[in-house]
Amino acid sequence: MVQFSAPRLDASFAALSDATRRGVLEQLGRADASITELADTFNMTLTGMKKHVGVLEQAGLVTTQKVGRVRTCKLGLSRLAEETAWIEEYRRLWDARFDALDHIVEELKQGETFDGRR
């Protein structure tokens, strides 16, 4: 198995586990936005949005830059490559297991036909 950075994966998946944070990423995928704009979009307080943005920033999914009194958010440099590879590895594992199960079910079906039980 490929070695993955557990703390990084934990931070990314924790950040992605919340619907609001996924929505923020979606929003930032369309255009950079201030924390105030994000808070308005998601109908929440500035403090609440700052906490969500902080979690995303810790995971490397968002970066912020303060100019004057405005903190602008944009997508971070993380392209989720490591997270995608982790998911893909487990997808392959489960695909193999389901293929094996399909093979067993097929053999059982053929066995029933030959035994005359069908």
PDB file of N, CA and C in Angstrom:
ATOM      1  N   MET A   1       0.829  -1.194   0.000  1.00  0.00           N
ATOM      2  CA  MET A   1       0.000   0.000   0.000  1.00  0.00           C
ATOM      3  C   MET A   1       0.869   1.252   0.000  1.00  0.00           C
ATOM      4  N   VAL A   2       0.368   2.276  -0.639  1.00  0.00           N
ATOM      5  CA  VAL A   2       1.057   3.559  -0.691  1.00  0.00           C
ATOM      6  C   VAL A   2       0.981   4.218   0.680  1.00  0.00           C
ATOM      7  N   GLN A   3       2.062   4.876   1.068  1.00  0.00           N
ATOM      8  CA  GLN A   3       2.079   5.588   2.348  1.00  0.00           C
ATOM      9  C   GLN A   3       1.469   6.977   2.166  1.00  0.00           C
ATOM     10  N   PHE A   4       0.556   7.329   3.047  1.00  0.00           N
ATOM     11  CA  PHE A   4      -0.079   8.632   3.011  1.00  0.00           C
ATOM     12  C   PHE A   4       0.195   9.350   4.317  1.00  0.00           C
ATOM     13  N   SER A   5       0.149  10.659   4.274  1.00  0.00           N
ATOM     14  CA  SER A   5       0.333  11.475   5.470  1.00  0.00           C
ATOM     15  C   SER A   5      -0.975  11.504   6.247  1.00  0.00           C
ATOM     16  N   ALA A   6      -1.034  10.744   7.331  1.00  0.00           N
ATOM     17  CA  ALA A   6      -2.269  10.641   8.116  1.00  0.00           C
ATOM     18  C   ALA A   6      -2.748  11.995   8.632  1.00  0.00           C
ATOM     19  N   PRO A   7      -1.881  12.834   9.205  1.00  0.00           N
ATOM     20  CA  PRO A   7      -2.382  14.132   9.685  1.00  0.00           C
ATOM     21  C   PRO A   7      -2.982  14.992   8.572  1.00  0.00           C
ATOM     22  N   ARG A   8      -2.357  14.941   7.410  1.00  0.00           N
ATOM     23  CA  ARG A   8      -2.884  15.735   6.290  1.00  0.00           C
ATOM     24  C   ARG A   8      -4.238  15.203   5.838  1.00  0.00           C
ATOM     25  N   LEU A   9      -4.332  13.871   5.699  1.00  0.00           N
ATOM     26  CA  LEU A   9      -5.614  13.279   5.307  1.00  0.00           C
ATOM     27  C   LEU A   9      -6.681  13.576   6.351  1.00  0.00           C
ATOM     28  N   ASP A  10      -6.326  13.463   7.626  1.00  0.00           N
ATOM     29  CA  ASP A  10      -7.284  13.748   8.696  1.00  0.00           C
ATOM     30  C   ASP A  10      -7.793  15.176   8.591  1.00  0.00           C
ATOM     31  N   ALA A  11      -6.883  16.121   8.381  1.00  0.00           N
ATOM     32  CA  ALA A  11      -7.277  17.535   8.290  1.00  0.00           C
ATOM     33  C   ALA A  11      -8.172  17.770   7.072  1.00  0.00           C
ATOM     34  N   SER A  12      -7.807  17.172   5.953  1.00  0.00           N
ATOM     35  CA  SER A  12      -8.603  17.361   4.734  1.00  0.00           C
ATOM     36  C   SER A  12      -9.990  16.774   4.872  1.00  0.00           C
ATOM     37  N   PHE A  13     -10.069  15.526   5.327  1.00  0.00           N
ATOM     38  CA  PHE A  13     -11.380  14.891   5.440  1.00  0.00           C
ATOM     39  C   PHE A  13     -12.224  15.537   6.532  1.00  0.00           C
ATOM     40  N   ALA A  14     -11.611  16.007   7.600  1.00  0.00           N
ATOM     41  CA  ALA A  14     -12.352  16.733   8.641  1.00  0.00           C
ATOM     42  C   ALA A  14     -12.916  18.024   8.051  1.00  0.00           C
ATOM     43  N   ALA A  15     -12.104  18.715   7.265  1.00  0.00           N
ATOM     44  CA  ALA A  15     -12.569  19.957   6.646  1.00  0.00           C
ATOM     45  C   ALA A  15     -13.711  19.683   5.663  1.00  0.00           C
ATOM     46  N   LEU A  16     -13.591  18.607   4.912  1.00  0.00           N
ATOM     47  CA  LEU A  16     -14.599  18.275   3.905  1.00  0.00           C
ATOM     48  C   LEU A  16     -15.851  17.629   4.492  1.00  0.00           C
ATOM     49  N   SER A  17     -15.808  17.274   5.761  1.00  0.00           N
ATOM     50  CA  SER A  17     -16.944  16.580   6.373  1.00  0.00           C
ATOM     51  C   SER A  17     -18.127  17.496   6.633  1.00  0.00           C
ATOM     52  N   ASP A  18     -17.931  18.787   6.547  1.00  0.00           N
ATOM     53  CA  ASP A  18     -18.990  19.743   6.848  1.00  0.00           C
ATOM     54  C   ASP A  18     -19.574  20.321   5.556  1.00  0.00           C
ATOM     55  N   ALA A  19     -20.895  20.332   5.466  1.00  0.00           N
ATOM     56  CA  ALA A  19     -21.563  20.812   4.249  1.00  0.00           C
ATOM     57  C   ALA A  19     -21.275  22.289   3.976  1.00  0.00           C
ATOM     58  N   THR A  20     -21.209  23.092   5.015  1.00  0.00           N
ATOM     59  CA  THR A  20     -20.911  24.513   4.817  1.00  0.00           C
ATOM     60  C   THR A  20     -19.524  24.698   4.232  1.00  0.00           C
ATOM     61  N   ARG A  21     -18.550  23.967   4.748  1.00  0.00           N
ATOM     62  CA  ARG A  21     -17.188  24.099   4.235  1.00  0.00           C
ATOM     63  C   ARG A  21     -17.092  23.620   2.792  1.00  0.00           C
ATOM     64  N   ARG A  22     -17.823  22.548   2.466  1.00  0.00           N
ATOM     65  CA  ARG A  22     -17.841  22.103   1.058  1.00  0.00           C
ATOM     66  C   ARG A  22     -18.482  23.175   0.182  1.00  0.00           C
ATOM     67  N   GLY A  23     -19.513  23.827   0.705  1.00  0.00           N
ATOM     68  CA  GLY A  23     -20.154  24.918  -0.022  1.00  0.00           C
ATOM     69  C   GLY A  23     -19.212  26.093  -0.223  1.00  0.00           C
ATOM     70  N   VAL A  24     -18.415  26.411   0.800  1.00  0.00           N
ATOM     71  CA  VAL A  24     -17.431  27.491   0.683  1.00  0.00           C
ATOM     72  C   VAL A  24     -16.434  27.159  -0.422  1.00  0.00           C
ATOM     73  N   LEU A  25     -15.957  25.923  -0.468  1.00  0.00           N
ATOM     74  CA  LEU A  25     -15.023  25.525  -1.526  1.00  0.00           C
ATOM     75  C   LEU A  25     -15.667  25.662  -2.904  1.00  0.00           C
ATOM     76  N   GLU A  26     -16.924  25.266  -2.993  1.00  0.00           N
ATOM     77  CA  GLU A  26     -17.645  25.388  -4.250  1.00  0.00           C
ATOM     78  C   GLU A  26     -17.740  26.859  -4.676  1.00  0.00           C
ATOM     79  N   GLN A  27     -18.090  27.702  -3.712  1.00  0.00           N
ATOM     80  CA  GLN A  27     -18.207  29.139  -3.967  1.00  0.00           C
ATOM     81  C   GLN A  27     -16.866  29.723  -4.416  1.00  0.00           C
ATOM     82  N   LEU A  28     -15.797  29.359  -3.701  1.00  0.00           N
ATOM     83  CA  LEU A  28     -14.478  29.884  -4.037  1.00  0.00           C
ATOM     84  C   LEU A  28     -13.963  29.326  -5.362  1.00  0.00           C
ATOM     85  N   GLY A  29     -14.488  28.197  -5.785  1.00  0.00           N
ATOM     86  CA  GLY A  29     -14.142  27.650  -7.095  1.00  0.00           C
ATOM     87  C   GLY A  29     -14.657  28.532  -8.221  1.00  0.00           C
ATOM     88  N   ARG A  30     -15.709  29.282  -7.932  1.00  0.00           N
ATOM     89  CA  ARG A  30     -16.266  30.201  -8.928  1.00  0.00           C
ATOM     90  C   ARG A  30     -15.569  31.557  -8.893  1.00  0.00           C
ATOM     91  N   ALA A  31     -15.259  32.051  -7.673  1.00  0.00           N
ATOM     92  CA  ALA A  31     -14.621  33.367  -7.540  1.00  0.00           C
ATOM     93  C   ALA A  31     -14.123  33.552  -6.113  1.00  0.00           C
ATOM     94  N   ASP A  32     -13.040  34.296  -5.964  1.00  0.00           N
ATOM     95  CA  ASP A  32     -12.556  34.654  -4.632  1.00  0.00           C
ATOM     96  C   ASP A  32     -13.647  35.455  -3.919  1.00  0.00           C
ATOM     97  N   ALA A  33     -13.641  35.408  -2.593  1.00  0.00           N
ATOM     98  CA  ALA A  33     -14.673  36.116  -1.835  1.00  0.00           C
ATOM     99  C   ALA A  33     -14.127  36.525  -0.477  1.00  0.00           C
ATOM    100  N   SER A  34     -14.676  37.603   0.059  1.00  0.00           N
ATOM    101  CA  SER A  34     -14.300  38.025   1.411  1.00  0.00           C
ATOM    102  C   SER A  34     -15.070  37.163   2.412  1.00  0.00           C
ATOM    103  N   ILE A  35     -14.591  37.159   3.641  1.00  0.00           N
ATOM    104  CA  ILE A  35     -15.290  36.402   4.680  1.00  0.00           C
ATOM    105  C   ILE A  35     -16.696  36.965   4.864  1.00  0.00           C
ATOM    106  N   THR A  36     -16.839  38.276   4.731  1.00  0.00           N
ATOM    107  CA  THR A  36     -18.165  38.897   4.854  1.00  0.00           C
ATOM    108  C   THR A  36     -19.099  38.387   3.757  1.00  0.00           C
ATOM    109  N   GLU A  37     -18.596  38.321   2.522  1.00  0.00           N
ATOM    110  CA  GLU A  37     -19.423  37.815   1.417  1.00  0.00           C
ATOM    111  C   GLU A  37     -19.816  36.358   1.649  1.00  0.00           C
ATOM    112  N   LEU A  38     -18.859  35.559   2.126  1.00  0.00           N
ATOM    113  CA  LEU A  38     -19.165  34.146   2.401  1.00  0.00           C
ATOM    114  C   LEU A  38     -20.188  34.028   3.521  1.00  0.00           C
ATOM    115  N   ALA A  39     -20.024  34.815   4.577  1.00  0.00           N
ATOM    116  CA  ALA A  39     -20.971  34.777   5.697  1.00  0.00           C
ATOM    117  C   ALA A  39     -22.371  35.142   5.214  1.00  0.00           C
ATOM    118  N   ASP A  40     -22.472  36.164   4.359  1.00  0.00           N
ATOM    119  CA  ASP A  40     -23.776  36.557   3.813  1.00  0.00           C
ATOM    120  C   ASP A  40     -24.365  35.443   2.956  1.00  0.00           C
ATOM    121  N   THR A  41     -23.538  34.850   2.105  1.00  0.00           N
ATOM    122  CA  THR A  41     -23.999  33.779   1.221  1.00  0.00           C
ATOM    123  C   THR A  41     -24.570  32.605   2.013  1.00  0.00           C
ATOM    124  N   PHE A  42     -23.913  32.270   3.130  1.00  0.00           N
ATOM    125  CA  PHE A  42     -24.329  31.110   3.924  1.00  0.00           C
ATOM    126  C   PHE A  42     -25.185  31.499   5.128  1.00  0.00           C
ATOM    127  N   ASN A  43     -25.580  32.783   5.165  1.00  0.00           N
ATOM    128  CA  ASN A  43     -26.474  33.279   6.215  1.00  0.00           C
ATOM    129  C   ASN A  43     -25.960  32.914   7.607  1.00  0.00           C
ATOM    130  N   MET A  44     -24.720  33.294   7.889  1.00  0.00           N
ATOM    131  CA  MET A  44     -24.140  33.016   9.201  1.00  0.00           C
ATOM    132  C   MET A  44     -23.340  34.210   9.683  1.00  0.00           C
ATOM    133  N   THR A  45     -22.929  34.152  10.929  1.00  0.00           N
ATOM    134  CA  THR A  45     -22.169  35.245  11.519  1.00  0.00           C
ATOM    135  C   THR A  45     -20.749  35.253  10.970  1.00  0.00           C
ATOM    136  N   LEU A  46     -20.102  36.406  11.076  1.00  0.00           N
ATOM    137  CA  LEU A  46     -18.703  36.501  10.656  1.00  0.00           C
ATOM    138  C   LEU A  46     -17.831  35.559  11.472  1.00  0.00           C
ATOM    139  N   THR A  47     -18.101  35.481  12.776  1.00  0.00           N
ATOM    140  CA  THR A  47     -17.323  34.598  13.649  1.00  0.00           C
ATOM    141  C   THR A  47     -17.452  33.146  13.209  1.00  0.00           C
ATOM    142  N   GLY A  48     -18.667  32.732  12.898  1.00  0.00           N
ATOM    143  CA  GLY A  48     -18.886  31.357  12.434  1.00  0.00           C
ATOM    144  C   GLY A  48     -18.163  31.077  11.138  1.00  0.00           C
ATOM    145  N   MET A  49     -18.229  32.041  10.212  1.00  0.00           N
ATOM    146  CA  MET A  49     -17.562  31.840   8.920  1.00  0.00           C
ATOM    147  C   MET A  49     -16.050  31.849   9.099  1.00  0.00           C
ATOM    148  N   LYS A  50     -15.536  32.698   9.977  1.00  0.00           N
ATOM    149  CA  LYS A  50     -14.085  32.717  10.230  1.00  0.00           C
ATOM    150  C   LYS A  50     -13.608  31.358  10.728  1.00  0.00           C
ATOM    151  N   LYS A  51     -14.415  30.709  11.568  1.00  0.00           N
ATOM    152  CA  LYS A  51     -14.039  29.377  12.073  1.00  0.00           C
ATOM    153  C   LYS A  51     -14.010  28.362  10.930  1.00  0.00           C
ATOM    154  N   HIS A  52     -15.016  28.409  10.064  1.00  0.00           N
ATOM    155  CA  HIS A  52     -15.045  27.478   8.934  1.00  0.00           C
ATOM    156  C   HIS A  52     -13.846  27.721   8.006  1.00  0.00           C
ATOM    157  N   VAL A  53     -13.573  28.977   7.711  1.00  0.00           N
ATOM    158  CA  VAL A  53     -12.448  29.311   6.839  1.00  0.00           C
ATOM    159  C   VAL A  53     -11.139  28.887   7.499  1.00  0.00           C
ATOM    160  N   GLY A  54     -11.036  29.032   8.818  1.00  0.00           N
ATOM    161  CA  GLY A  54      -9.832  28.611   9.539  1.00  0.00           C
ATOM    162  C   GLY A  54      -9.572  27.123   9.403  1.00  0.00           C
ATOM    163  N   VAL A  55     -10.627  26.326   9.482  1.00  0.00           N
ATOM    164  CA  VAL A  55     -10.482  24.869   9.310  1.00  0.00           C
ATOM    165  C   VAL A  55     -10.015  24.554   7.896  1.00  0.00           C
ATOM    166  N   LEU A  56     -10.608  25.215   6.915  1.00  0.00           N
ATOM    167  CA  LEU A  56     -10.202  25.000   5.521  1.00  0.00           C
ATOM    168  C   LEU A  56      -8.768  25.462   5.281  1.00  0.00           C
ATOM    169  N   GLU A  57      -8.391  26.541   5.931  1.00  0.00           N
ATOM    170  CA  GLU A  57      -7.031  27.065   5.779  1.00  0.00           C
ATOM    171  C   GLU A  57      -6.014  26.111   6.415  1.00  0.00           C
ATOM    172  N   GLN A  58      -6.339  25.574   7.574  1.00  0.00           N
ATOM    173  CA  GLN A  58      -5.444  24.610   8.246  1.00  0.00           C
ATOM    174  C   GLN A  58      -5.210  23.383   7.372  1.00  0.00           C
ATOM    175  N   ALA A  59      -6.237  22.988   6.628  1.00  0.00           N
ATOM    176  CA  ALA A  59      -6.127  21.817   5.749  1.00  0.00           C
ATOM    177  C   ALA A  59      -5.444  22.154   4.429  1.00  0.00           C
ATOM    178  N   GLY A  60      -5.155  23.433   4.200  1.00  0.00           N
ATOM    179  CA  GLY A  60      -4.510  23.838   2.955  1.00  0.00           C
ATOM    180  C   GLY A  60      -5.464  23.965   1.783  1.00  0.00           C
ATOM    181  N   LEU A  61      -6.761  23.928   2.068  1.00  0.00           N
ATOM    182  CA  LEU A  61      -7.746  23.994   0.994  1.00  0.00           C
ATOM    183  C   LEU A  61      -8.097  25.427   0.613  1.00  0.00           C
ATOM    184  N   VAL A  62      -7.817  26.368   1.526  1.00  0.00           N
ATOM    185  CA  VAL A  62      -8.132  27.777   1.318  1.00  0.00           C
ATOM    186  C   VAL A  62      -6.953  28.605   1.803  1.00  0.00           C
ATOM    187  N   THR A  63      -6.708  29.719   1.122  1.00  0.00           N
ATOM    188  CA  THR A  63      -5.748  30.703   1.625  1.00  0.00           C
ATOM    189  C   THR A  63      -6.488  32.018   1.804  1.00  0.00           C
ATOM    190  N   THR A  64      -6.014  32.827   2.734  1.00  0.00           N
ATOM    191  CA  THR A  64      -6.621  34.130   2.954  1.00  0.00           C
ATOM    192  C   THR A  64      -5.544  35.198   2.898  1.00  0.00           C
ATOM    193  N   GLN A  65      -5.973  36.385   2.529  1.00  0.00           N
ATOM    194  CA  GLN A  65      -5.069  37.526   2.489  1.00  0.00           C
ATOM    195  C   GLN A  65      -5.848  38.729   2.998  1.00  0.00           C
ATOM    196  N   LYS A  66      -5.248  39.423   3.958  1.00  0.00           N
ATOM    197  CA  LYS A  66      -5.902  40.594   4.523  1.00  0.00           C
ATOM    198  C   LYS A  66      -5.330  41.854   3.898  1.00  0.00           C
ATOM    199  N   VAL A  67      -6.214  42.655   3.335  1.00  0.00           N
ATOM    200  CA  VAL A  67      -5.848  43.948   2.779  1.00  0.00           C
ATOM    201  C   VAL A  67      -6.749  44.968   3.462  1.00  0.00           C
ATOM    202  N   GLY A  68      -6.143  45.781   4.306  1.00  0.00           N
ATOM    203  CA  GLY A  68      -6.932  46.724   5.093  1.00  0.00           C
ATOM    204  C   GLY A  68      -7.800  45.963   6.073  1.00  0.00           C
ATOM    205  N   ARG A  69      -9.091  46.182   5.990  1.00  0.00           N
ATOM    206  CA  ARG A  69     -10.024  45.509   6.897  1.00  0.00           C
ATOM    207  C   ARG A  69     -10.692  44.294   6.258  1.00  0.00           C
ATOM    208  N   VAL A  70     -10.346  44.023   5.023  1.00  0.00           N
ATOM    209  CA  VAL A  70     -11.010  42.938   4.286  1.00  0.00           C
ATOM    210  C   VAL A  70     -10.082  41.735   4.173  1.00  0.00           C
ATOM    211  N   ARG A  71     -10.594  40.574   4.591  1.00  0.00           N
ATOM    212  CA  ARG A  71      -9.853  39.312   4.445  1.00  0.00           C
ATOM    213  C   ARG A  71     -10.484  38.551   3.286  1.00  0.00           C
ATOM    214  N   THR A  72      -9.694  38.398   2.208  1.00  0.00           N
ATOM    215  CA  THR A  72     -10.171  37.721   1.007  1.00  0.00           C
ATOM    216  C   THR A  72      -9.726  36.262   1.025  1.00  0.00           C
ATOM    217  N   CYS A  73     -10.630  35.398   0.643  1.00  0.00           N
ATOM    218  CA  CYS A  73     -10.374  33.952   0.611  1.00  0.00           C
ATOM    219  C   CYS A  73     -10.312  33.483  -0.833  1.00  0.00           C
ATOM    220  N   LYS A  74      -9.423  32.542  -1.074  1.00  0.00           N
ATOM    221  CA  LYS A  74      -9.363  31.893  -2.386  1.00  0.00           C
ATOM    222  C   LYS A  74      -8.955  30.443  -2.174  1.00  0.00           C
ATOM    223  N   LEU A  75      -9.165  29.641  -3.207  1.00  0.00           N
ATOM    224  CA  LEU A  75      -8.795  28.231  -3.107  1.00  0.00           C
ATOM    225  C   LEU A  75      -7.301  28.116  -2.845  1.00  0.00           C
ATOM    226  N   GLY A  76      -6.942  27.158  -1.991  1.00  0.00           N
ATOM    227  CA  GLY A  76      -5.545  26.938  -1.660  1.00  0.00           C
ATOM    228  C   GLY A  76      -4.830  26.151  -2.733  1.00  0.00           C
ATOM    229  N   LEU A  77      -3.566  25.884  -2.488  1.00  0.00           N
ATOM    230  CA  LEU A  77      -2.751  25.161  -3.463  1.00  0.00           C
ATOM    231  C   LEU A  77      -3.039  23.666  -3.477  1.00  0.00           C
ATOM    232  N   SER A  78      -3.646  23.156  -2.402  1.00  0.00           N
ATOM    233  CA  SER A  78      -3.949  21.727  -2.339  1.00  0.00           C
ATOM    234  C   SER A  78      -4.930  21.362  -3.433  1.00  0.00           C
ATOM    235  N   ARG A  79      -4.570  20.413  -4.239  1.00  0.00           N
ATOM    236  CA  ARG A  79      -5.457  19.960  -5.309  1.00  0.00           C
ATOM    237  C   ARG A  79      -6.099  18.618  -4.954  1.00  0.00           C
ATOM    238  N   LEU A  80      -5.975  18.237  -3.700  1.00  0.00           N
ATOM    239  CA  LEU A  80      -6.562  16.998  -3.188  1.00  0.00           C
ATOM    240  C   LEU A  80      -6.019  15.759  -3.885  1.00  0.00           C
ATOM    241  N   ALA A  81      -4.813  15.838  -4.416  1.00  0.00           N
ATOM    242  CA  ALA A  81      -4.223  14.693  -5.116  1.00  0.00           C
ATOM    243  C   ALA A  81      -4.001  13.521  -4.168  1.00  0.00           C
ATOM    244  N   GLU A  82      -3.458  13.780  -2.985  1.00  0.00           N
ATOM    245  CA  GLU A  82      -3.195  12.701  -2.034  1.00  0.00           C
ATOM    246  C   GLU A  82      -4.508  12.087  -1.546  1.00  0.00           C
ATOM    247  N   GLU A  83      -5.499  12.929  -1.311  1.00  0.00           N
ATOM    248  CA  GLU A  83      -6.801  12.438  -0.863  1.00  0.00           C
ATOM    249  C   GLU A  83      -7.466  11.596  -1.954  1.00  0.00           C
ATOM    250  N   THR A  84      -7.353  12.048  -3.187  1.00  0.00           N
ATOM    251  CA  THR A  84      -7.920  11.301  -4.314  1.00  0.00           C
ATOM    252  C   THR A  84      -7.224   9.949  -4.468  1.00  0.00           C
ATOM    253  N   ALA A  85      -5.913   9.926  -4.310  1.00  0.00           N
ATOM    254  CA  ALA A  85      -5.158   8.666  -4.411  1.00  0.00           C
ATOM    255  C   ALA A  85      -5.570   7.703  -3.307  1.00  0.00           C
ATOM    256  N   TRP A  86      -5.788   8.221  -2.095  1.00  0.00           N
ATOM    257  CA  TRP A  86      -6.215   7.387  -0.959  1.00  0.00           C
ATOM    258  C   TRP A  86      -7.571   6.762  -1.253  1.00  0.00           C
ATOM    259  N   ILE A  87      -8.509   7.582  -1.737  1.00  0.00           N
ATOM    260  CA  ILE A  87      -9.845   7.087  -2.072  1.00  0.00           C
ATOM    261  C   ILE A  87      -9.763   6.061  -3.201  1.00  0.00           C
ATOM    262  N   GLU A  88      -8.957   6.342  -4.208  1.00  0.00           N
ATOM    263  CA  GLU A  88      -8.818   5.448  -5.356  1.00  0.00           C
ATOM    264  C   GLU A  88      -8.260   4.083  -4.938  1.00  0.00           C
ATOM    265  N   GLU A  89      -7.309   4.093  -4.014  1.00  0.00           N
ATOM    266  CA  GLU A  89      -6.742   2.830  -3.543  1.00  0.00           C
ATOM    267  C   GLU A  89      -7.817   1.956  -2.889  1.00  0.00           C
ATOM    268  N   TYR A  90      -8.671   2.565  -2.094  1.00  0.00           N
ATOM    269  CA  TYR A  90      -9.740   1.801  -1.452  1.00  0.00           C
ATOM    270  C   TYR A  90     -10.853   1.433  -2.430  1.00  0.00           C
ATOM    271  N   ARG A  91     -11.066   2.260  -3.443  1.00  0.00           N
ATOM    272  CA  ARG A  91     -12.048   1.913  -4.471  1.00  0.00           C
ATOM    273  C   ARG A  91     -11.602   0.650  -5.203  1.00  0.00           C
ATOM    274  N   ARG A  92     -10.304   0.591  -5.547  1.00  0.00           N
ATOM    275  CA  ARG A  92      -9.779  -0.610  -6.220  1.00  0.00           C
ATOM    276  C   ARG A  92      -9.915  -1.840  -5.324  1.00  0.00           C
ATOM    277  N   LEU A  93      -9.625  -1.682  -4.043  1.00  0.00           N
ATOM    278  CA  LEU A  93      -9.744  -2.793  -3.096  1.00  0.00           C
ATOM    279  C   LEU A  93     -11.175  -3.319  -3.052  1.00  0.00           C
ATOM    280  N   TRP A  94     -12.138  -2.405  -2.928  1.00  0.00           N
ATOM    281  CA  TRP A  94     -13.537  -2.825  -2.854  1.00  0.00           C
ATOM    282  C   TRP A  94     -14.031  -3.376  -4.183  1.00  0.00           C
ATOM    283  N   ASP A  95     -13.574  -2.810  -5.294  1.00  0.00           N
ATOM    284  CA  ASP A  95     -13.947  -3.369  -6.597  1.00  0.00           C
ATOM    285  C   ASP A  95     -13.495  -4.821  -6.709  1.00  0.00           C
ATOM    286  N   ALA A  96     -12.279  -5.103  -6.277  1.00  0.00           N
ATOM    287  CA  ALA A  96     -11.762  -6.474  -6.325  1.00  0.00           C
ATOM    288  C   ALA A  96     -12.587  -7.402  -5.450  1.00  0.00           C
ATOM    289  N   ARG A  97     -12.965  -6.931  -4.280  1.00  0.00           N
ATOM    290  CA  ARG A  97     -13.778  -7.757  -3.376  1.00  0.00           C
ATOM    291  C   ARG A  97     -15.157  -8.026  -3.965  1.00  0.00           C
ATOM    292  N   PHE A  98     -15.775  -7.016  -4.562  1.00  0.00           N
ATOM    293  CA  PHE A  98     -17.091  -7.216  -5.166  1.00  0.00           C
ATOM    294  C   PHE A  98     -17.004  -8.114  -6.390  1.00  0.00           C
ATOM    295  N   ASP A  99     -15.926  -8.010  -7.154  1.00  0.00           N
ATOM    296  CA  ASP A  99     -15.729  -8.910  -8.296  1.00  0.00           C
ATOM    297  C   ASP A  99     -15.626 -10.360  -7.817  1.00  0.00           C
ATOM    298  N   ALA A 100     -14.897 -10.570  -6.731  1.00  0.00           N
ATOM    299  CA  ALA A 100     -14.771 -11.924  -6.162  1.00  0.00           C
ATOM    300  C   ALA A 100     -16.128 -12.433  -5.680  1.00  0.00           C
ATOM    301  N   LEU A 101     -16.892 -11.564  -5.055  1.00  0.00           N
ATOM    302  CA  LEU A 101     -18.227 -11.950  -4.589  1.00  0.00           C
ATOM    303  C   LEU A 101     -19.126 -12.289  -5.770  1.00  0.00           C
ATOM    304  N   ASP A 102     -19.069 -11.494  -6.836  1.00  0.00           N
ATOM    305  CA  ASP A 102     -19.848 -11.786  -8.045  1.00  0.00           C
ATOM    306  C   ASP A 102     -19.489 -13.167  -8.595  1.00  0.00           C
ATOM    307  N   HIS A 103     -18.200 -13.490  -8.581  1.00  0.00           N
ATOM    308  CA  HIS A 103     -17.741 -14.782  -9.076  1.00  0.00           C
ATOM    309  C   HIS A 103     -18.331 -15.923  -8.223  1.00  0.00           C
ATOM    310  N   ILE A 104     -18.328 -15.756  -6.922  1.00  0.00           N
ATOM    311  CA  ILE A 104     -18.875 -16.783  -6.014  1.00  0.00           C
ATOM    312  C   ILE A 104     -20.377 -16.947  -6.249  1.00  0.00           C
ATOM    313  N   VAL A 105     -21.089 -15.852  -6.388  1.00  0.00           N
ATOM    314  CA  VAL A 105     -22.537 -15.914  -6.623  1.00  0.00           C
ATOM    315  C   VAL A 105     -22.816 -16.625  -7.938  1.00  0.00           C
ATOM    316  N   GLU A 106     -22.040 -16.320  -8.973  1.00  0.00           N
ATOM    317  CA  GLU A 106     -22.206 -16.974 -10.258  1.00  0.00           C
ATOM    318  C   GLU A 106     -21.987 -18.483 -10.136  1.00  0.00           C
ATOM    319  N   GLU A 107     -20.941 -18.878  -9.411  1.00  0.00           N
ATOM    320  CA  GLU A 107     -20.676 -20.312  -9.205  1.00  0.00           C
ATOM    321  C   GLU A 107     -21.824 -20.984  -8.462  1.00  0.00           C
ATOM    322  N   LEU A 108     -22.370 -20.319  -7.464  1.00  0.00           N
ATOM    323  CA  LEU A 108     -23.502 -20.877  -6.717  1.00  0.00           C
ATOM    324  C   LEU A 108     -24.724 -21.026  -7.613  1.00  0.00           C
ATOM    325  N   LYS A 109     -24.968 -20.072  -8.465  1.00  0.00           N
ATOM    326  CA  LYS A 109     -26.101 -20.149  -9.387  1.00  0.00           C
ATOM    327  C   LYS A 109     -25.936 -21.329 -10.332  1.00  0.00           C
ATOM    328  N   GLN A 110     -24.716 -21.513 -10.861  1.00  0.00           N
ATOM    329  CA  GLN A 110     -24.466 -22.624 -11.774  1.00  0.00           C
ATOM    330  C   GLN A 110     -24.610 -23.951 -11.041  1.00  0.00           C
ATOM    331  N   GLY A 111     -24.172 -23.999  -9.787  1.00  0.00           N
ATOM    332  CA  GLY A 111     -24.297 -25.220  -8.988  1.00  0.00           C
ATOM    333  C   GLY A 111     -25.750 -25.593  -8.764  1.00  0.00           C
ATOM    334  N   GLU A 112     -26.592 -24.601  -8.541  1.00  0.00           N
ATOM    335  CA  GLU A 112     -28.028 -24.873  -8.347  1.00  0.00           C
ATOM    336  C   GLU A 112     -28.644 -25.439  -9.612  1.00  0.00           C
ATOM    337  N   THR A 113     -28.243 -24.935 -10.756  1.00  0.00           N
ATOM    338  CA  THR A 113     -28.778 -25.400 -12.025  1.00  0.00           C
ATOM    339  C   THR A 113     -28.411 -26.858 -12.257  1.00  0.00           C
ATOM    340  N   PHE A 114     -27.158 -27.241 -11.963  1.00  0.00           N
ATOM    341  CA  PHE A 114     -26.704 -28.611 -12.174  1.00  0.00           C
ATOM    342  C   PHE A 114     -27.302 -29.579 -11.174  1.00  0.00           C
ATOM    343  N   ASP A 115     -27.616 -29.141  -9.980  1.00  0.00           N
ATOM    344  CA  ASP A 115     -28.206 -30.015  -8.965  1.00  0.00           C
ATOM    345  C   ASP A 115     -29.684 -30.241  -9.219  1.00  0.00           C
ATOM    346  N   GLY A 116     -30.256 -29.530 -10.160  1.00  0.00           N
ATOM    347  CA  GLY A 116     -31.678 -29.696 -10.465  1.00  0.00           C
ATOM    348  C   GLY A 116     -32.588 -28.980  -9.490  1.00  0.00           C
ATOM    349  N   ARG A 117     -32.050 -28.077  -8.720  1.00  0.00           N
ATOM    350  CA  ARG A 117     -32.882 -27.362  -7.750  1.00  0.00           C
ATOM    351  C   ARG A 117     -33.617 -26.176  -8.370  1.00  0.00           C
ATOM    352  N   ARG A 118     -33.317 -25.883  -9.560  1.00  0.00           N
ATOM    353  CA  ARG A 118     -33.937 -24.710 -10.170  1.00  0.00           C
ATOM    354  C   ARG A 118     -35.043 -25.051 -11.071  1.00  0.00           C
TER     355      ARG A 118
END
